């Protein structure tokens, strides 16, 4: 599936990972539902999406905590670029 196809979906597929579902909900403007997809999960991939969501929320301290849990640095790109990079990463899995 391409990024453009992903953006055009009317709902996330049941086959999507929680991380990809979170990114879909975020794209649709539902930060809370996006956060709910990854908030309870362990693992670096969930932590990475969790970090992005808190960065978007404006909570940099919390975002940096989750970036550390993911083993990655906060990216120096726009939120839109970060979202696209993450979506491409999880679509490729």
Protein backbone atom coordinates (compact mmCIF):
# COMPACT_ATOMS: atom_id res chain seq x y z
CA UNK A 1 0.00 0.00 0.00
CA UNK A 2 1.28 3.44 -0.86
CA UNK A 3 1.26 6.41 1.47
CA UNK A 4 -1.37 8.07 -0.72
CA UNK A 5 -3.57 4.96 -0.52
CA UNK A 6 -3.13 4.92 3.26
CA UNK A 7 -4.22 8.55 3.52
CA UNK A 8 -7.37 7.85 1.47
CA UNK A 9 -8.65 4.98 3.61
CA UNK A 10 -12.02 5.56 5.26
CA UNK A 11 -10.99 3.36 8.20
CA UNK A 12 -7.87 1.48 9.27
CA UNK A 13 -7.61 -2.16 8.29
CA UNK A 14 -7.97 -4.75 11.04
CA UNK A 15 -4.66 -6.13 9.79
CA UNK A 16 -2.80 -2.93 10.63
CA UNK A 17 -0.42 -2.85 13.56
CA UNK A 18 -1.43 -0.64 16.50
CA UNK A 19 1.31 1.77 15.43
CA UNK A 20 -0.14 2.09 11.93
CA UNK A 21 -3.67 2.45 13.32
CA UNK A 22 -2.40 5.23 15.58
CA UNK A 23 -0.88 7.04 12.62
CA UNK A 24 -4.11 6.68 10.64
CA UNK A 25 -6.20 8.12 13.51
CA UNK A 26 -3.71 10.95 13.93
CA UNK A 27 -3.96 11.75 10.21
CA UNK A 28 -7.73 11.90 10.62
CA UNK A 29 -7.31 14.45 13.41
CA UNK A 30 -8.13 12.18 16.35
CA UNK A 31 -5.07 12.52 18.59
CA UNK A 32 -6.78 10.82 21.54
CA UNK A 33 -7.74 7.72 19.58
CA UNK A 34 -4.23 7.64 18.10
CA UNK A 35 -2.68 7.84 21.56
CA UNK A 36 -5.00 5.10 22.84
CA UNK A 37 -3.60 2.71 20.22
CA UNK A 38 -0.03 2.85 21.59
CA UNK A 39 -0.29 4.16 25.15
CA UNK A 40 -0.47 0.72 26.76
CA UNK A 41 2.08 -1.05 24.55
CA UNK A 42 5.67 -2.00 25.27
CA UNK A 43 8.37 -2.04 22.65
CA UNK A 44 10.40 0.40 20.66
CA UNK A 45 8.02 0.75 17.72
CA UNK A 46 5.09 1.74 19.94
CA UNK A 47 7.37 4.07 21.91
CA UNK A 48 8.43 5.74 18.67
CA UNK A 49 4.86 6.54 17.61
CA UNK A 50 4.06 7.54 21.20
CA UNK A 51 7.00 10.00 21.07
CA UNK A 52 5.72 11.55 17.84
CA UNK A 53 2.24 11.99 19.32
CA UNK A 54 3.55 13.78 22.42
CA UNK A 55 5.77 15.96 20.25
CA UNK A 56 2.69 16.89 18.23
CA UNK A 57 0.81 17.59 21.46
CA UNK A 58 3.56 20.03 22.43
CA UNK A 59 4.73 18.04 25.47
CA UNK A 60 8.44 17.99 24.61
CA UNK A 61 9.58 16.53 27.94
CA UNK A 62 7.25 13.56 27.56
CA UNK A 63 8.09 13.22 23.87
CA UNK A 64 11.81 13.10 24.65
CA UNK A 65 11.16 10.38 27.25
CA UNK A 66 9.44 8.25 24.59
CA UNK A 67 12.13 8.95 21.98
CA UNK A 68 14.68 7.63 24.50
CA UNK A 69 12.51 4.54 25.11
CA UNK A 70 12.41 4.02 21.35
CA UNK A 71 16.19 4.34 21.16
CA UNK A 72 15.97 7.26 18.74
CA UNK A 73 16.65 10.99 18.89
CA UNK A 74 13.95 13.58 18.36
CA UNK A 75 14.06 14.28 14.61
CA UNK A 76 14.85 17.72 13.31
CA UNK A 77 12.06 17.64 10.73
CA UNK A 78 8.53 19.01 10.70
CA UNK A 79 5.72 17.04 12.30
CA UNK A 80 4.33 16.37 8.83
CA UNK A 81 7.65 14.93 7.66
CA UNK A 82 7.97 12.83 10.81
CA UNK A 83 4.44 11.47 10.32
CA UNK A 84 5.19 10.55 6.70
CA UNK A 85 8.46 8.85 7.62
CA UNK A 86 6.73 6.83 10.33
CA UNK A 87 3.81 5.88 8.09
CA UNK A 88 6.21 4.70 5.38
CA UNK A 89 8.19 2.73 7.97
CA UNK A 90 5.15 0.89 9.28
CA UNK A 91 3.56 0.38 5.87
CA UNK A 92 6.75 -1.38 4.78
CA UNK A 93 6.62 -3.89 7.63
